[in-house]
Amino acid sequence: MGSTILAGAQMILASCVLYSILNKNTIWIIINLLMINMAVIADTMTDSKPLPLEGIRVVEFTHMVMGPTCGMVLADLGADVIKVEPLAGDSTRKLLGSGAGFYPLFNRNKKSLAIDLHSEKGREVVLRLIATADVVSENFKTETMQKLGLDYATLSKNDERLIYVSHKGFLPGPYDHRTALDEVVQMMGGLAYMTGRPGDPLRAGSSVNDIMGGMFGAIGAMAALMQRATTGRGQEVQSALFENNIFLVAQHMMQFAVTGKAAAPMPERISPWGIYDVFSVKNSEQIFLAVVGDTQWGIFCKAFGYGDWQQDARLVTNNDRVRARDWLIPQMRERMAQHTSAELAGLFEQHGLPFAPITDPQYLFDDPHLLQTGGLAPLTLPDGRETKVPLLPITLGGERPGMRLNPPRLGEHGAEILLSLGYGEADINAMQRDGVLRLE
């Protein structure tokens, strides 16, 4: 790359010298050649491996977490995702507390069009935009999209190839009239019961159903795109919070089906492994340690010099150690308390045993593994501040799908989008003046 740029610079210097000795026709030929060469350089500098969904356009009508997650996944994989927002913007732009990170995380790599969907002109713009789309994604009430004429039944009449992803609280059935939230379905779907202690249901510490529900919406969209390539027809894809939650607790349902015994909440569960717990150690630190399987047990005992445990007939197999947890774990706590977290981490890592420091989320910005592997990408917040953001947890051809666009300012791409749809500057100015369109 450096040699190519140097060659271009040398050509520029040479052309300056030649300008004084050659006629104008000759110098224009040289300049044109130089421009071609520099264009090649620019293409080389910006060239990157094409993403799988390049050329796919997604128009999304989403807010909060579930719908935006679907769009984020598709956008990260290369789709052109246009976020249609009300003139006041997606409400998550203004959330405080635990919701303050929603907008910048789930709306990267997207463009923003802020328009009044309740106006005739606004709907005209959006329908023209949808006519250019492969996928429409939404997570509003069914009645809301129907009133706007943006439901699947209406839109598919004009385009049988359209794929429509609908994110709901419940799939069609007895509950589909209810209003759902992540916490609602965690409580009614057994996840809060499994996470908390007996009598103290506790939601998981992340928007697990919203995020995974959006991911399943994206999976459905990609499956529908693949099928459309064969059939030529689109279809409606539905993803729902409640059904997503049931999928998450399915392992506990099947535990009951296999054993006939109800699963106990995670803090009270019978662990399948002898050593699988959080331990308090020196300096008031905590660390998670696991010794799973008989081979690891032998490695662990040898590494720490615990010959007494290695020879103990009560601890020979993993199941023996599970049955011995009542006395084994208290003894393990006493022995581990003699070490610091760093000492234990060093020994466990050296011998290939599972361990984990107990980490607060804010410290992950400085995690050496994430920094070295490119798991965090630079991101500019809508207010101009710089930060980093975690990328999708996958690689494609050895590369992480990265950042192409920062989370958009409200209406940031409105003029660009309308011009691409054939509207002129006068139309755009008129829509702004009439309060139909908002540009930033």
Protein backbone atom coordinates (compact mmCIF):
# COMPACT_ATOMS: atom_id res chain seq x y z
CA MET A 1 0.00 0.00 0.00
CA GLY A 2 2.75 2.45 0.96
CA SER A 3 4.65 1.86 -2.28
CA THR A 4 1.50 2.50 -4.33
CA ILE A 5 0.89 5.82 -2.60
CA LEU A 6 4.56 6.76 -3.04
CA ALA A 7 4.33 5.99 -6.74
CA GLY A 8 1.30 8.26 -7.03
CA ALA A 9 3.16 11.05 -5.25
CA GLN A 10 6.10 10.63 -7.60
CA MET A 11 3.75 10.95 -10.57
CA ILE A 12 2.41 14.20 -9.17
CA LEU A 13 5.94 15.63 -8.87
CA ALA A 14 6.81 14.45 -12.36
CA SER A 15 3.71 16.07 -13.84
CA CYS A 16 4.64 19.38 -12.24
CA VAL A 17 8.03 19.28 -13.96
CA LEU A 18 6.57 18.19 -17.28
CA TYR A 19 4.01 20.98 -17.22
CA SER A 20 6.78 23.48 -17.92
CA ILE A 21 8.17 21.64 -20.95
CA LEU A 22 5.20 19.96 -22.68
CA ASN A 23 2.26 21.41 -24.58
CA LYS A 24 -1.20 21.55 -23.01
CA ASN A 25 -2.60 18.51 -24.84
CA THR A 26 0.21 16.33 -23.59
CA ILE A 27 -0.10 17.54 -20.02
CA TRP A 28 -3.85 16.88 -19.98
CA ILE A 29 -3.20 13.28 -21.02
CA ILE A 30 -0.73 12.94 -18.15
CA ILE A 31 -3.16 14.50 -15.69
CA ASN A 32 -5.94 12.13 -16.78
CA LEU A 33 -3.62 9.17 -16.36
CA LEU A 34 -2.66 10.49 -12.95
CA MET A 35 -6.30 10.81 -11.92
CA ILE A 36 -6.97 7.23 -12.97
CA ASN A 37 -3.96 6.06 -11.00
CA MET A 38 -5.06 7.95 -7.89
CA ALA A 39 -8.59 6.55 -8.23
CA VAL A 40 -7.12 3.07 -8.22
CA ILE A 41 -5.15 4.00 -5.10
CA ALA A 42 -8.32 5.24 -3.40
CA ASP A 43 -10.16 2.04 -4.30
CA THR A 44 -7.30 -0.02 -2.95
CA MET A 45 -7.24 1.96 0.30
CA THR A 46 -10.98 1.51 0.88
CA ASP A 47 -11.29 -1.98 -0.57
CA SER A 48 -12.50 -4.54 1.93
CA LYS A 49 -14.04 -7.96 1.79
CA PRO A 50 -17.69 -7.64 0.68
CA LEU A 51 -20.21 -8.35 3.43
CA PRO A 52 -22.84 -11.07 2.92
CA LEU A 53 -25.88 -8.76 2.81
CA GLU A 54 -24.46 -6.00 0.62
CA GLY A 55 -27.15 -4.95 -1.88
CA ILE A 56 -30.01 -5.80 0.50
CA ARG A 57 -32.09 -2.84 1.66
CA VAL A 58 -33.99 -2.95 4.94
CA VAL A 59 -36.55 -0.32 5.99
CA GLU A 60 -37.27 -0.52 9.70
CA PHE A 61 -40.00 0.96 11.87
CA THR A 62 -38.61 0.04 15.26
CA HIS A 63 -37.92 1.35 18.73
CA MET A 64 -36.56 0.12 22.06
CA VAL A 65 -34.39 -3.05 21.72
CA MET A 66 -35.99 -6.00 19.94
CA GLY A 67 -36.67 -4.48 16.53
CA PRO A 68 -33.49 -2.36 16.47
CA THR A 69 -31.43 -5.48 17.30
CA CYS A 70 -32.74 -7.22 14.19
CA GLY A 71 -31.78 -4.21 12.06
CA MET A 72 -28.37 -3.95 13.72
CA VAL A 73 -27.53 -7.57 12.91
CA LEU A 74 -28.59 -7.14 9.28
CA ALA A 75 -26.72 -3.82 9.05
CA ASP A 76 -23.55 -5.25 10.57
CA LEU A 77 -23.71 -7.97 7.93
CA GLY A 78 -23.78 -5.37 5.17
CA ALA A 79 -27.44 -4.52 4.56
CA ASP A 80 -28.44 -0.91 3.85
CA VAL A 81 -30.73 -0.31 6.83
CA ILE A 82 -32.86 2.82 6.91
CA LYS A 83 -34.43 3.63 10.25
CA VAL A 84 -37.72 5.51 9.82
CA GLU A 85 -38.33 7.63 12.91
CA PRO A 86 -41.08 10.00 14.04
CA LEU A 87 -40.17 13.68 13.97
CA ALA A 88 -39.44 13.52 17.71
CA GLY A 89 -37.13 10.56 17.16
CA ASP A 90 -36.94 7.05 18.55
CA SER A 91 -37.82 7.39 22.25
CA THR A 92 -34.73 5.40 23.22
CA ARG A 93 -32.58 8.36 22.17
CA LYS A 94 -33.62 10.04 25.42
CA LEU A 95 -33.72 7.15 27.90
CA LEU A 96 -31.88 7.40 31.20
CA GLY A 97 -30.42 4.78 33.54
CA SER A 98 -30.15 1.24 32.21
CA GLY A 99 -31.73 2.33 28.92
CA ALA A 100 -29.12 5.00 28.13
CA GLY A 101 -27.06 2.56 26.04
CA PHE A 102 -29.93 1.22 23.94
CA TYR A 103 -29.85 3.71 21.07
CA PRO A 104 -26.08 3.87 20.39
CA LEU A 105 -25.66 0.10 20.58
CA PHE A 106 -28.59 -1.15 18.54
CA ASN A 107 -28.68 1.55 15.85
CA ARG A 108 -25.15 1.60 14.49
CA ASN A 109 -24.55 1.08 10.76
CA LYS A 110 -28.00 2.55 10.00
CA LYS A 111 -29.34 5.66 8.29
CA SER A 112 -32.05 7.85 9.82
CA LEU A 113 -35.11 9.27 8.07
CA ALA A 114 -37.30 11.39 10.37
CA ILE A 115 -40.72 11.88 8.82
CA ASP A 116 -44.37 12.35 9.79
CA LEU A 117 -46.09 9.07 8.91
CA HIS A 118 -49.49 10.55 9.77
CA SER A 119 -49.26 13.00 6.87
CA GLU A 120 -50.19 12.11 3.31
CA LYS A 121 -46.84 13.32 1.99
CA GLY A 122 -44.92 11.41 4.65
CA ARG A 123 -46.67 8.15 3.81
CA GLU A 124 -46.01 8.77 0.13
CA VAL A 125 -42.29 9.08 0.82
CA VAL A 126 -42.22 5.94 2.94
CA LEU A 127 -44.17 3.87 0.41
CA ARG A 128 -41.77 4.99 -2.30
CA LEU A 129 -38.90 3.98 -0.03
CA ILE A 130 -40.44 0.56 0.72
CA ALA A 131 -40.74 -0.02 -3.01
CA THR A 132 -36.92 -0.08 -3.08
CA ALA A 133 -36.63 -2.46 -0.10
CA ASP A 134 -36.09 -6.19 0.25
CA VAL A 135 -37.09 -6.30 3.90
CA VAL A 136 -39.41 -4.29 6.14
CA SER A 137 -38.93 -4.74 9.89
CA GLU A 138 -41.22 -3.45 12.65
CA ASN A 139 -41.99 -3.91 16.33
CA PHE A 140 -45.13 -1.83 16.85
CA LYS A 141 -48.63 -3.02 17.63
CA THR A 142 -50.34 -4.74 14.71
CA GLU A 143 -53.15 -2.18 14.79
CA THR A 144 -50.65 0.69 14.51
CA MET A 145 -49.11 -0.67 11.31
CA GLN A 146 -52.54 -1.47 9.87
CA LYS A 147 -53.81 2.08 10.43
CA LEU A 148 -50.77 3.43 8.61
CA GLY A 149 -51.21 0.97 5.75
CA LEU A 150 -47.80 -0.48 6.54
CA ASP A 151 -48.83 -3.99 7.56
CA TYR A 152 -47.73 -7.07 5.64
CA ALA A 153 -51.13 -7.78 4.09
CA THR A 154 -51.26 -4.30 2.54
CA LEU A 155 -47.63 -3.99 1.44
CA SER A 156 -47.36 -7.51 -0.02
CA LYS A 157 -50.18 -6.74 -2.47
CA ASN A 158 -47.83 -4.33 -4.22
CA ASP A 159 -44.69 -6.45 -3.92
CA GLU A 160 -44.91 -10.22 -3.59
CA ARG A 161 -41.12 -10.37 -3.12
CA LEU A 162 -41.23 -8.29 0.06
CA ILE A 163 -40.03 -9.90 3.29
CA TYR A 164 -41.74 -8.48 6.36
CA VAL A 165 -40.29 -9.10 9.83
CA SER A 166 -42.70 -8.51 12.69
CA HIS A 167 -41.41 -8.47 16.28
CA LYS A 168 -44.14 -9.00 18.87
CA GLY A 169 -44.67 -9.90 22.50
CA PHE A 170 -46.38 -13.20 21.64
CA LEU A 171 -46.91 -15.23 18.51
CA PRO A 172 -50.59 -15.46 17.45
CA GLY A 173 -52.64 -17.15 20.18
CA PRO A 174 -54.47 -16.57 23.49
CA TYR A 175 -51.84 -14.13 24.79
CA ASP A 176 -51.25 -12.04 21.68
CA HIS A 177 -53.50 -9.21 22.90
CA ARG A 178 -51.28 -8.63 25.94
CA THR A 179 -48.56 -6.00 26.20
CA ALA A 180 -45.23 -7.70 26.75
CA LEU A 181 -41.86 -6.52 27.98
CA ASP A 182 -38.66 -8.47 28.53
CA GLU A 183 -39.32 -8.57 32.25
CA VAL A 184 -42.95 -9.64 31.74
CA VAL A 185 -42.01 -12.72 29.74
CA GLN A 186 -39.09 -13.54 32.04
CA MET A 187 -41.52 -13.67 34.95
CA MET A 188 -44.25 -15.68 33.19
CA GLY A 189 -41.84 -17.84 31.21
CA GLY A 190 -39.78 -19.32 34.05
CA LEU A 191 -36.52 -17.45 33.47
CA ALA A 192 -36.87 -15.14 36.49
CA TYR A 193 -37.69 -18.18 38.62
CA MET A 194 -34.54 -19.95 37.43
CA THR A 195 -32.32 -16.89 37.89
CA GLY A 196 -33.40 -15.89 41.38
CA ARG A 197 -33.33 -17.65 44.70
CA PRO A 198 -36.39 -19.60 45.89
CA GLY A 199 -39.19 -17.14 46.54
CA ASP A 200 -37.19 -14.29 45.00
CA PRO A 201 -37.64 -14.29 41.20
CA LEU A 202 -35.01 -12.15 39.49
CA ARG A 203 -34.79 -10.99 35.90
CA ALA A 204 -31.57 -11.69 34.02
CA GLY A 205 -29.05 -8.85 34.03
CA SER A 206 -29.49 -8.01 30.35
CA SER A 207 -32.33 -7.57 27.85
CA VAL A 208 -31.92 -11.20 26.87
CA ASN A 209 -35.31 -11.76 25.24
CA ASP A 210 -35.35 -8.44 23.41
CA ILE A 211 -31.86 -9.04 22.03
CA MET A 212 -32.35 -12.68 21.15
CA GLY A 213 -35.82 -12.00 19.79
CA GLY A 214 -34.27 -9.48 17.42
CA MET A 215 -31.58 -11.99 16.50
CA PHE A 216 -34.20 -14.60 15.65
CA GLY A 217 -36.00 -11.98 13.58
CA ALA A 218 -32.76 -11.45 11.64
CA ILE A 219 -32.28 -15.20 11.23
CA GLY A 220 -35.83 -15.45 9.89
CA ALA A 221 -35.20 -12.57 7.48
CA MET A 222 -32.04 -14.21 6.12
CA ALA A 223 -33.83 -17.56 5.76
CA ALA A 224 -36.65 -15.81 3.87
CA LEU A 225 -34.12 -14.10 1.59
CA MET A 226 -32.57 -17.47 0.78
CA GLN A 227 -35.97 -18.99 0.06
CA ARG A 228 -36.99 -16.02 -2.08
CA ALA A 229 -33.96 -16.65 -4.27
CA THR A 230 -35.59 -19.98 -5.17
CA THR A 231 -39.30 -19.19 -5.12
CA GLY A 232 -39.27 -15.53 -6.12
CA ARG A 233 -41.71 -14.77 -3.32
CA GLY A 234 -41.29 -13.04 0.03
CA GLN A 235 -43.11 -13.87 3.24
CA GLU A 236 -43.90 -12.62 6.72
CA VAL A 237 -41.48 -13.56 9.50
CA GLN A 238 -42.62 -13.34 13.12
CA SER A 239 -40.47 -13.35 16.24
CA ALA A 240 -41.82 -12.97 19.77
CA LEU A 241 -40.53 -12.29 23.27
CA PHE A 242 -42.51 -14.99 25.05
CA GLU A 243 -41.62 -17.78 22.65
CA ASN A 244 -37.99 -16.66 22.74
CA ASN A 245 -38.03 -16.91 26.54
CA ILE A 246 -39.52 -20.41 26.35
CA PHE A 247 -36.65 -21.43 24.07
CA LEU A 248 -34.21 -20.13 26.70
CA VAL A 249 -35.73 -22.23 29.50
CA ALA A 250 -36.36 -25.26 27.30
CA GLN A 251 -33.36 -27.06 28.83
CA HIS A 252 -35.04 -26.87 32.23
CA MET A 253 -38.35 -28.08 30.79
CA MET A 254 -36.56 -31.02 29.22
CA GLN A 255 -34.74 -31.72 32.48
CA PHE A 256 -38.16 -32.31 34.03
CA ALA A 257 -39.22 -34.43 31.04
CA VAL A 258 -36.14 -36.64 31.41
CA THR A 259 -35.86 -36.87 35.21
CA GLY A 260 -39.41 -36.25 36.41
CA LYS A 261 -38.00 -33.69 38.86
CA ALA A 262 -38.59 -29.95 38.62
CA ALA A 263 -35.51 -27.85 37.98
CA ALA A 264 -34.39 -25.87 41.00
CA PRO A 265 -33.48 -22.17 40.63
CA MET A 266 -29.87 -21.74 39.56
CA PRO A 267 -28.61 -20.67 43.01
CA GLU A 268 -30.11 -23.86 44.45
CA ARG A 269 -29.57 -26.21 41.56
CA ILE A 270 -27.75 -29.50 41.81
CA SER A 271 -24.64 -28.79 39.79
CA PRO A 272 -23.65 -31.42 37.22
CA TRP A 273 -20.02 -30.79 38.24
CA GLY A 274 -18.21 -31.30 41.51
CA ILE A 275 -16.41 -27.94 41.47
CA TYR A 276 -18.39 -25.21 39.73
CA ASP A 277 -18.77 -22.12 41.89
CA VAL A 278 -17.74 -18.59 42.89
CA PHE A 279 -15.11 -18.46 45.62
CA SER A 280 -14.14 -15.60 47.93
CA VAL A 281 -10.36 -15.34 48.21
CA LYS A 282 -7.70 -13.01 49.59
CA ASN A 283 -8.13 -9.21 49.51
CA SER A 284 -11.93 -9.55 49.41
CA GLU A 285 -11.74 -10.72 45.79
CA GLN A 286 -13.96 -13.25 44.09
CA ILE A 287 -13.30 -15.69 41.27
CA PHE A 288 -15.30 -18.39 39.50
CA LEU A 289 -13.53 -21.76 39.41
CA ALA A 290 -14.58 -24.99 37.74
CA VAL A 291 -13.16 -28.49 37.65
CA VAL A 292 -15.29 -30.55 35.25
CA GLY A 293 -14.63 -34.17 34.49
CA ASP A 294 -12.22 -36.67 35.96
CA THR A 295 -9.21 -35.67 33.86
CA GLN A 296 -9.46 -32.06 35.07
CA TRP A 297 -9.82 -33.29 38.66
CA GLY A 298 -6.49 -35.10 38.41
CA ILE A 299 -4.82 -32.04 36.84
CA PHE A 300 -6.27 -29.77 39.54
CA CYS A 301 -5.15 -31.97 42.46
CA LYS A 302 -1.64 -32.32 41.03
CA ALA A 303 -1.29 -28.59 40.29
CA PHE A 304 -2.26 -27.60 43.84
CA GLY A 305 -0.59 -30.52 45.61
CA TYR A 306 -3.87 -31.93 46.91
CA GLY A 307 -2.78 -35.54 47.07
CA ASP A 308 -5.25 -36.26 49.87
CA TRP A 309 -8.19 -35.42 47.63
CA GLN A 310 -6.73 -37.29 44.67
CA GLN A 311 -6.47 -40.46 46.78
CA ASP A 312 -9.84 -40.03 48.51
CA ALA A 313 -12.14 -42.89 47.45
CA ARG A 314 -15.16 -40.61 47.94
CA LEU A 315 -13.97 -38.27 45.15
CA VAL A 316 -12.91 -40.65 42.38
CA THR A 317 -15.55 -39.75 39.76
CA ASN A 318 -17.35 -36.55 38.93
CA ASN A 319 -20.63 -37.96 40.22
CA ASP A 320 -18.87 -38.90 43.45
CA ARG A 321 -17.74 -35.29 43.83
CA VAL A 322 -21.25 -34.00 43.09
CA ARG A 323 -22.61 -36.22 45.87
CA ALA A 324 -19.82 -34.94 48.16
CA ARG A 325 -20.45 -31.24 47.52
CA ASP A 326 -21.96 -30.71 50.98
CA TRP A 327 -18.54 -31.21 52.58
CA LEU A 328 -16.22 -30.80 49.56
CA ILE A 329 -17.21 -27.22 48.68
CA PRO A 330 -16.72 -25.82 52.23
CA GLN A 331 -13.25 -27.40 52.28
CA MET A 332 -12.57 -26.01 48.81
CA ARG A 333 -13.52 -22.54 50.03
CA GLU A 334 -11.06 -22.79 52.91
CA ARG A 335 -8.22 -23.87 50.64
CA MET A 336 -8.90 -21.31 47.92
CA ALA A 337 -9.13 -18.48 50.49
CA GLN A 338 -5.39 -18.84 51.03
CA HIS A 339 -4.70 -17.49 47.52
CA THR A 340 -5.29 -14.24 45.67
CA SER A 341 -7.49 -14.10 42.61
CA ALA A 342 -4.41 -13.48 40.43
CA GLU A 343 -2.59 -16.53 41.83
CA LEU A 344 -5.58 -18.78 41.19
CA ALA A 345 -6.12 -17.37 37.71
CA GLY A 346 -2.45 -17.98 36.87
CA LEU A 347 -2.52 -21.60 38.02
CA PHE A 348 -5.85 -22.41 36.40
CA GLU A 349 -4.79 -20.82 33.10
CA GLN A 350 -1.42 -22.59 33.17
CA HIS A 351 -3.12 -25.96 33.51
CA GLY A 352 -6.02 -25.36 31.15
CA LEU A 353 -8.69 -25.30 33.85
CA PRO A 354 -11.82 -23.10 33.59
CA PHE A 355 -11.81 -19.88 35.61
CA ALA A 356 -13.19 -16.37 35.40
CA PRO A 357 -12.61 -13.14 37.31
CA ILE A 358 -15.81 -11.42 38.40
CA THR A 359 -15.89 -8.35 36.17
CA ASP A 360 -18.11 -5.25 36.10
CA PRO A 361 -19.27 -4.38 32.56
CA GLN A 362 -17.51 -0.98 32.47
CA TYR A 363 -14.11 -2.64 32.85
CA LEU A 364 -14.59 -4.56 29.60
CA PHE A 365 -13.64 -1.44 27.63
CA ASP A 366 -10.07 -2.19 28.73
CA ASP A 367 -10.17 -5.96 28.34
CA PRO A 368 -6.88 -6.98 26.65
CA HIS A 369 -8.46 -9.78 24.64
CA LEU A 370 -11.20 -7.54 23.23
CA LEU A 371 -8.69 -4.82 22.43
CA GLN A 372 -6.19 -7.12 20.73
CA THR A 373 -8.74 -9.07 18.69
CA GLY A 374 -10.69 -6.05 17.47
CA GLY A 375 -13.79 -6.93 19.44
CA LEU A 376 -14.36 -3.26 20.26
CA ALA A 377 -14.76 -0.71 17.48
CA PRO A 378 -14.47 3.09 17.69
CA LEU A 379 -17.88 4.76 17.74
CA THR A 380 -19.01 8.38 17.79
CA LEU A 381 -22.13 9.00 19.85
CA PRO A 382 -24.84 11.25 18.39
CA ASP A 383 -23.69 14.03 20.73
CA GLY A 384 -20.17 13.84 19.29
CA ARG A 385 -18.40 12.01 22.12
CA GLU A 386 -16.03 9.19 21.20
CA THR A 387 -16.27 5.70 22.71
CA LYS A 388 -15.97 2.04 21.75
CA VAL A 389 -18.67 -0.53 21.09
CA PRO A 390 -18.71 -4.36 21.08
CA LEU A 391 -19.14 -5.92 17.64
CA LEU A 392 -21.14 -8.99 16.63
CA PRO A 393 -19.56 -12.05 18.29
CA ILE A 394 -18.66 -13.75 15.00
CA THR A 395 -15.93 -13.69 12.38
CA LEU A 396 -16.48 -14.02 8.63
CA GLY A 397 -13.39 -15.21 6.83
CA GLY A 398 -11.36 -14.37 9.90
CA GLU A 399 -12.70 -10.81 10.19
CA ARG A 400 -15.24 -9.25 12.55
CA PRO A 401 -18.07 -7.41 10.76
CA GLY A 402 -17.26 -3.84 11.80
CA MET A 403 -18.47 -0.28 11.96
CA ARG A 404 -19.46 1.49 8.74
CA LEU A 405 -21.80 4.14 10.13
CA ASN A 406 -22.06 5.69 13.58
CA PRO A 407 -25.50 5.71 15.24
CA PRO A 408 -27.24 8.37 13.16
CA ARG A 409 -28.36 11.75 14.36
CA LEU A 410 -32.10 12.20 14.03
CA GLY A 411 -32.92 12.68 10.34
CA GLU A 412 -29.24 12.73 9.42
CA HIS A 413 -29.74 10.97 6.08
CA GLY A 414 -33.15 12.37 5.14
CA ALA A 415 -32.01 14.57 2.26
CA GLU A 416 -29.74 11.85 0.86
CA ILE A 417 -32.56 9.28 0.95
CA LEU A 418 -35.15 11.55 -0.63
CA LEU A 419 -32.80 12.61 -3.42
CA SER A 420 -32.18 8.93 -4.18
CA LEU A 421 -35.96 8.42 -4.44
CA GLY A 422 -36.27 11.12 -7.09
CA TYR A 423 -37.35 14.07 -4.94
CA GLY A 424 -35.79 17.42 -5.74
CA GLU A 425 -34.37 20.02 -3.39
CA ALA A 426 -37.54 22.07 -3.72
CA ASP A 427 -39.62 19.06 -2.58
CA ILE A 428 -37.32 18.50 0.37
CA ASN A 429 -37.42 22.15 1.39
CA ALA A 430 -41.22 22.16 1.13
CA MET A 431 -41.54 19.06 3.32
CA GLN A 432 -39.26 20.63 5.89
CA ARG A 433 -41.26 23.85 5.83
CA ASP A 434 -44.55 21.96 6.20
CA GLY A 435 -43.29 19.98 9.19
CA VAL A 436 -43.35 16.64 7.37
CA LEU A 437 -39.60 16.05 7.30
CA ARG A 438 -36.86 16.70 9.86
CA LEU A 439 -33.23 17.04 8.82
CA GLU A 440 -30.12 17.25 10.98
